[in-house]
Amino acid sequence: MNFIYIVSGLILLVLGGNWLLKSAIGLSIKLKISKIIVGLTVVSFATSAPEMIVSIKAALSGYSDIALGNIVGSNIANIGLVLGIVLLINAIQLENSFLKIDWPVTMITTVLLFVFLVIDGVLSRTEGFIFIIVLIIYLLYLIKNSSKVVHEDETNPDVEIAGKLSNGMIFFFLLIGGVGLWLGSELLVNGAVNLAENLGVSKRVIAVTVVSVGTSIPELASSIIASIKKENAISIGNIIGSNIFNILSVLGITVLIKPIDKIDVRLLEQDVYWMLGFAFVLLPLAFLPKRNSLSFKEGIVLLLLYFIFVYSTIS
């Protein structure tokens, strides 16, 4: 029954996130908000909604290990699993913005979370506020430099379809999206907690494996589709952007609502180091053996590292 709860919760989270995405884009187009701002705010929020809902629900229920483990595990899965699979499908030629903006910001946010956790082993509202401030600065920078960015989403099918939605359909998708995310988070968190207790494993193990991979499904699906269409910039941007948003927005909002404490010691002594390592390893992989390129071989390396992480987590 717990397995059914988890699977049902994951399905509702994916569907709910997709419905919320449609309504959010449709509403923003109706309000004549520029698409670049929509991409940086509305779309980013919608695709990270599963992580946010699950983490907030877990934190409010007193399951700090699931709240934090979900974000840490999701960031590891995005690079090790999602990017690894994407590279098996299609090589990615990195743009200059990856080295100048995307990777540095990813490292800054990851190191910031690492430092906060290492200092005292908790995440306070003050630290959540700092995450939000950094997010605002990052978004303002991107918006200011948006004129230099190629707007790949101009012909995005999701944007085109959402733009044709009526006001009634926008409200309908917003309503069922919100209900889907709420109910999905209830089923997933409760199922994960019960499964952990029945199997005699820690909630942390379930969080950084099953829960984190489940909430990363939207990123996996969209990145694979983008890779098949050879939209390299969208594929890598979706993965990197999701990791940045998970820490600054999802975790930031979560700890503002409910500070995270009583964290499993292995999350602090093992998992956060893996998260830091996966973020860092992108740089040497991007330069070796071919500069500014990630290919099939790098995908194999990332997948192997991810499976080693999973093995060390459950062993």
Protein backbone atom coordinates (compact mmCIF):
# COMPACT_ATOMS: atom_id res chain seq x y z
CA MET A 1 0.00 0.00 0.00
CA ASN A 2 2.88 2.40 0.78
CA PHE A 3 4.32 1.72 -2.66
CA ILE A 4 0.93 2.60 -4.21
CA TYR A 5 0.87 5.82 -2.19
CA ILE A 6 4.35 6.76 -3.40
CA VAL A 7 3.64 5.99 -7.07
CA SER A 8 0.26 7.75 -6.94
CA GLY A 9 1.86 10.73 -5.23
CA LEU A 10 4.58 10.97 -7.87
CA ILE A 11 2.03 10.80 -10.69
CA LEU A 12 -0.09 13.53 -9.12
CA LEU A 13 3.00 15.71 -8.57
CA VAL A 14 4.01 15.41 -12.23
CA LEU A 15 0.48 16.05 -13.50
CA GLY A 16 -0.09 18.84 -10.99
CA GLY A 17 3.17 20.55 -11.94
CA ASN A 18 2.28 20.31 -15.64
CA TRP A 19 -1.22 21.74 -15.06
CA LEU A 20 0.19 24.54 -12.93
CA LEU A 21 2.75 25.29 -15.65
CA LYS A 22 0.04 25.62 -18.29
CA SER A 23 -2.08 27.93 -16.16
CA ALA A 24 0.89 30.06 -15.08
CA ILE A 25 2.13 30.61 -18.64
CA GLY A 26 -1.39 31.25 -19.89
CA LEU A 27 -2.03 33.81 -17.15
CA SER A 28 1.29 35.58 -17.75
CA ILE A 29 0.53 35.87 -21.47
CA LYS A 30 -2.93 37.26 -20.71
CA LEU A 31 -1.28 39.85 -18.46
CA LYS A 32 1.26 40.62 -21.24
CA ILE A 33 4.30 39.75 -19.12
CA SER A 34 7.42 39.25 -21.26
CA LYS A 35 8.30 35.63 -22.03
CA ILE A 36 11.85 35.93 -20.69
CA ILE A 37 10.49 36.99 -17.29
CA VAL A 38 7.94 34.18 -17.50
CA GLY A 39 10.75 31.71 -18.14
CA LEU A 40 12.88 32.99 -15.28
CA THR A 41 10.08 33.14 -12.71
CA VAL A 42 6.78 31.43 -13.54
CA VAL A 43 8.18 28.44 -15.43
CA SER A 44 11.04 27.92 -12.96
CA PHE A 45 8.59 27.98 -10.07
CA ALA A 46 6.17 25.59 -11.76
CA THR A 47 8.80 22.98 -12.67
CA SER A 48 10.20 23.11 -9.13
CA ALA A 49 6.75 23.02 -7.54
CA PRO A 50 6.92 19.27 -6.73
CA GLU A 51 10.16 19.75 -4.75
CA MET A 52 8.72 22.81 -3.00
CA ILE A 53 5.40 21.23 -2.02
CA VAL A 54 7.05 18.03 -0.78
CA SER A 55 9.72 19.90 1.23
CA ILE A 56 7.23 22.30 2.83
CA LYS A 57 4.82 19.47 3.65
CA ALA A 58 7.64 17.38 5.14
CA ALA A 59 9.03 20.29 7.19
CA LEU A 60 5.62 21.20 8.59
CA SER A 61 5.04 17.55 9.48
CA GLY A 62 8.32 17.45 11.39
CA TYR A 63 10.22 15.32 8.87
CA SER A 64 13.31 17.51 8.42
CA ASP A 65 15.28 14.67 6.82
CA ILE A 66 12.76 14.39 3.99
CA ALA A 67 12.51 18.17 3.56
CA LEU A 68 16.26 18.65 3.19
CA GLY A 69 17.06 15.24 1.72
CA ASN A 70 14.59 15.88 -1.09
CA ILE A 71 16.48 19.02 -2.20
CA VAL A 72 19.97 17.56 -1.74
CA GLY A 73 19.01 14.33 -3.49
CA SER A 74 17.18 16.16 -6.28
CA ASN A 75 20.22 18.34 -7.05
CA ILE A 76 22.44 15.26 -7.13
CA ALA A 77 19.93 13.40 -9.34
CA ASN A 78 19.60 16.35 -11.73
CA ILE A 79 23.32 16.27 -12.54
CA GLY A 80 24.20 12.61 -12.04
CA LEU A 81 21.05 10.94 -13.37
CA VAL A 82 19.22 13.48 -15.56
CA LEU A 83 22.27 15.06 -17.22
CA GLY A 84 23.92 11.64 -17.46
CA ILE A 85 20.95 10.23 -19.40
CA VAL A 86 20.72 13.34 -21.58
CA LEU A 87 24.38 12.98 -22.60
CA LEU A 88 23.79 9.38 -23.65
CA ILE A 89 21.22 10.73 -26.11
CA ASN A 90 23.05 13.76 -27.44
CA ALA A 91 26.31 15.62 -26.78
CA ILE A 92 26.06 19.18 -25.47
CA GLN A 93 28.22 22.07 -26.66
CA LEU A 94 28.34 24.52 -23.79
CA GLU A 95 27.92 28.25 -24.36
CA ASN A 96 30.13 30.90 -22.77
CA SER A 97 27.34 31.77 -20.35
CA PHE A 98 27.80 28.36 -18.72
CA LEU A 99 31.30 29.30 -17.51
CA LYS A 100 30.53 32.97 -16.85
CA ILE A 101 27.13 32.69 -15.15
CA ASP A 102 25.47 29.28 -14.83
CA TRP A 103 28.25 27.19 -13.26
CA PRO A 104 29.55 29.96 -10.93
CA VAL A 105 26.04 30.66 -9.61
CA THR A 106 25.44 26.93 -9.17
CA MET A 107 28.65 26.64 -7.13
CA ILE A 108 27.88 29.77 -5.09
CA THR A 109 24.41 28.53 -4.11
CA THR A 110 25.65 24.99 -3.39
CA VAL A 111 28.57 26.24 -1.29
CA LEU A 112 26.23 28.62 0.54
CA LEU A 113 23.95 25.73 1.53
CA PHE A 114 26.98 23.60 2.43
CA VAL A 115 28.40 26.31 4.71
CA PHE A 116 25.07 26.94 6.44
CA LEU A 117 24.70 23.23 7.20
CA VAL A 118 28.30 22.73 8.33
CA ILE A 119 28.19 25.71 10.71
CA ASP A 120 25.48 24.42 13.05
CA GLY A 121 23.65 21.57 11.31
CA VAL A 122 20.38 23.51 10.95
CA LEU A 123 18.74 25.93 8.52
CA SER A 124 17.20 28.98 10.16
CA ARG A 125 14.78 31.63 8.88
CA THR A 126 17.69 34.05 8.60
CA GLU A 127 19.47 31.67 6.25
CA GLY A 128 16.24 31.18 4.30
CA PHE A 129 15.98 34.96 3.94
CA ILE A 130 19.55 35.06 2.61
CA PHE A 131 18.63 32.43 -0.02
CA ILE A 132 15.69 34.57 -1.17
CA ILE A 133 17.84 37.72 -1.36
CA VAL A 134 20.44 35.90 -3.49
CA LEU A 135 17.63 34.59 -5.73
CA ILE A 136 16.26 38.11 -6.25
CA ILE A 137 19.72 39.43 -7.12
CA TYR A 138 20.22 36.54 -9.58
CA LEU A 139 16.85 37.10 -11.27
CA LEU A 140 17.40 40.84 -11.51
CA TYR A 141 20.78 40.21 -13.15
CA LEU A 142 19.25 37.81 -15.68
CA ILE A 143 16.38 40.16 -16.47
CA LYS A 144 18.77 43.09 -16.90
CA ASN A 145 20.84 41.05 -19.35
CA SER A 146 17.86 39.39 -21.04
CA SER A 147 18.38 41.45 -24.21
CA LYS A 148 21.59 39.48 -24.75
CA VAL A 149 19.82 36.15 -24.38
CA VAL A 150 18.42 34.19 -27.30
CA HIS A 151 14.73 33.59 -26.57
CA GLU A 152 14.47 29.90 -27.38
CA ASP A 153 10.97 29.78 -25.92
CA GLU A 154 9.46 31.94 -28.67
CA THR A 155 8.45 28.79 -30.53
CA ASN A 156 8.03 26.57 -27.49
CA PRO A 157 4.88 24.43 -28.01
CA ASP A 158 3.92 24.73 -24.33
CA VAL A 159 3.99 28.54 -24.56
CA GLU A 160 1.99 28.53 -27.78
CA ILE A 161 -0.68 26.17 -26.40
CA ALA A 162 -0.92 27.99 -23.05
CA GLY A 163 -1.33 31.30 -24.87
CA LYS A 164 -4.57 30.03 -26.45
CA LEU A 165 -6.21 29.05 -23.15
CA SER A 166 -9.40 30.84 -22.13
CA ASN A 167 -9.70 32.51 -18.73
CA GLY A 168 -11.92 29.65 -17.57
CA MET A 169 -9.37 27.00 -18.63
CA ILE A 170 -6.53 28.93 -16.97
CA PHE A 171 -8.46 28.95 -13.68
CA PHE A 172 -9.35 25.25 -14.13
CA PHE A 173 -5.70 24.20 -14.68
CA LEU A 174 -4.61 26.40 -11.77
CA LEU A 175 -7.19 24.75 -9.49
CA ILE A 176 -6.53 21.12 -10.43
CA GLY A 177 -2.77 21.79 -10.52
CA GLY A 178 -2.82 23.07 -6.95
CA VAL A 179 -5.02 20.19 -5.76
CA GLY A 180 -2.82 17.67 -7.60
CA LEU A 181 0.35 19.02 -5.97
CA TRP A 182 -1.23 19.07 -2.51
CA LEU A 183 -2.68 15.57 -2.72
CA GLY A 184 0.45 14.21 -4.41
CA SER A 185 2.67 15.59 -1.65
CA GLU A 186 0.38 14.09 1.03
CA LEU A 187 0.54 10.63 -0.56
CA LEU A 188 4.28 10.79 -1.33
CA VAL A 189 5.44 12.02 2.08
CA ASN A 190 3.16 9.69 4.05
CA GLY A 191 4.04 6.73 1.83
CA ALA A 192 7.77 7.48 2.06
CA VAL A 193 7.68 7.80 5.86
CA ASN A 194 5.72 4.57 6.29
CA LEU A 195 7.93 2.70 3.81
CA ALA A 196 11.07 3.82 5.62
CA GLU A 197 9.66 2.66 8.94
CA ASN A 198 8.49 -0.70 7.55
CA LEU A 199 11.83 -1.40 5.85
CA GLY A 200 13.80 -0.26 8.88
CA VAL A 201 15.74 2.36 6.92
CA SER A 202 16.05 6.05 7.68
CA LYS A 203 13.76 8.69 6.19
CA ARG A 204 16.93 10.27 4.78
CA VAL A 205 17.59 7.22 2.55
CA ILE A 206 14.06 7.34 1.13
CA ALA A 207 14.29 11.12 0.67
CA VAL A 208 17.60 11.24 -1.23
CA THR A 209 16.67 8.30 -3.46
CA VAL A 210 12.98 7.61 -4.13
CA VAL A 211 11.52 11.04 -3.26
CA SER A 212 14.26 13.11 -4.91
CA VAL A 213 14.21 11.11 -8.17
CA GLY A 214 10.42 11.31 -8.24
CA THR A 215 10.34 15.09 -7.87
CA SER A 216 13.04 15.36 -10.57
CA ILE A 217 10.83 13.64 -13.15
CA PRO A 218 9.68 16.97 -14.71
CA GLU A 219 13.31 18.01 -15.26
CA LEU A 220 14.16 14.57 -16.66
CA ALA A 221 11.26 14.56 -19.11
CA SER A 222 11.79 18.12 -20.37
CA SER A 223 15.57 17.70 -20.66
CA ILE A 224 15.26 14.45 -22.62
CA ILE A 225 12.75 16.04 -25.01
CA ALA A 226 15.02 19.06 -25.46
CA SER A 227 18.01 16.78 -26.06
CA ILE A 228 16.19 14.73 -28.69
CA LYS A 229 15.30 17.99 -30.46
CA LYS A 230 18.97 18.99 -30.11
CA GLU A 231 18.06 22.05 -28.04
CA ASN A 232 21.30 21.84 -26.04
CA ALA A 233 21.02 25.21 -24.35
CA ILE A 234 17.52 24.42 -23.08
CA SER A 235 18.56 20.98 -21.86
CA ILE A 236 21.58 22.04 -19.77
CA GLY A 237 19.89 25.29 -18.75
CA ASN A 238 16.89 23.42 -17.38
CA ILE A 239 19.11 21.18 -15.23
CA ILE A 240 21.40 23.92 -13.91
CA GLY A 241 18.53 26.36 -13.41
CA SER A 242 16.56 23.76 -11.47
CA ASN A 243 19.46 23.19 -9.05
CA ILE A 244 19.85 26.91 -8.45
CA PHE A 245 16.12 27.35 -7.95
CA ASN A 246 15.83 24.31 -5.66
CA ILE A 247 18.27 25.81 -3.16
CA LEU A 248 17.46 29.51 -3.37
CA SER A 249 13.70 29.37 -3.82
CA VAL A 250 12.41 25.96 -2.71
CA LEU A 251 14.66 25.60 0.32
CA GLY A 252 14.58 29.33 1.01
CA ILE A 253 10.77 29.43 1.19
CA THR A 254 10.63 26.15 3.11
CA VAL A 255 12.87 27.33 5.96
CA LEU A 256 11.13 30.72 6.09
CA ILE A 257 7.91 28.82 6.82
CA LYS A 258 9.48 26.17 9.03
CA PRO A 259 13.20 26.13 10.03
CA ILE A 260 14.86 22.76 9.44
CA ASP A 261 16.57 21.06 12.39
CA LYS A 262 17.13 17.55 13.73
CA ILE A 263 18.87 16.53 10.52
CA ASP A 264 20.20 12.99 10.01
CA VAL A 265 23.95 13.10 10.65
CA ARG A 266 24.69 11.27 7.37
CA LEU A 267 22.97 14.06 5.46
CA LEU A 268 25.52 16.43 6.99
CA GLU A 269 28.54 14.13 6.84
CA GLN A 270 27.93 12.45 3.47
CA ASP A 271 25.10 13.69 1.23
CA VAL A 272 25.96 17.41 1.19
CA TYR A 273 29.52 16.53 0.17
CA TRP A 274 28.16 14.49 -2.74
CA MET A 275 25.97 17.45 -3.72
CA LEU A 276 28.99 19.76 -3.64
CA GLY A 277 31.07 17.25 -5.61
CA PHE A 278 28.47 16.83 -8.37
CA ALA A 279 28.20 20.59 -8.78
CA PHE A 280 31.99 20.98 -8.98
CA VAL A 281 32.67 18.04 -11.31
CA LEU A 282 30.83 19.76 -14.15
CA LEU A 283 33.76 22.14 -14.68
CA PRO A 284 36.55 19.58 -15.27
CA LEU A 285 34.19 17.42 -17.32
CA ALA A 286 33.41 20.46 -19.49
CA PHE A 287 37.13 20.92 -20.27
CA LEU A 288 38.29 17.30 -20.57
CA PRO A 289 38.96 15.93 -23.07
CA LYS A 290 37.33 18.57 -25.29
CA ARG A 291 36.87 22.16 -24.15
CA ASN A 292 33.28 23.39 -23.56
CA SER A 293 31.74 20.05 -24.46
CA LEU A 294 29.90 17.28 -22.66
CA SER A 295 29.42 14.01 -24.51
CA PHE A 296 28.58 10.30 -24.16
CA LYS A 297 31.71 9.54 -22.10
CA GLU A 298 30.94 12.27 -19.59
CA GLY A 299 27.38 10.91 -19.38
CA ILE A 300 28.73 7.47 -18.44
CA VAL A 301 30.96 9.05 -15.77
CA LEU A 302 28.04 11.00 -14.26
CA LEU A 303 25.78 7.93 -14.20
CA LEU A 304 28.50 5.79 -12.60
CA LEU A 305 29.05 8.44 -9.94
CA TYR A 306 25.33 8.63 -9.30
CA PHE A 307 25.00 4.85 -8.89
CA ILE A 308 27.98 4.89 -6.51
CA PHE A 309 26.20 7.61 -4.52
CA VAL A 310 22.98 5.55 -4.36
CA TYR A 311 24.90 2.42 -3.33
CA SER A 312 26.75 4.29 -0.57
CA THR A 313 23.45 5.76 0.62
CA ILE A 314 21.54 2.50 0.96
CA SER A 315 24.46 0.39 2.18
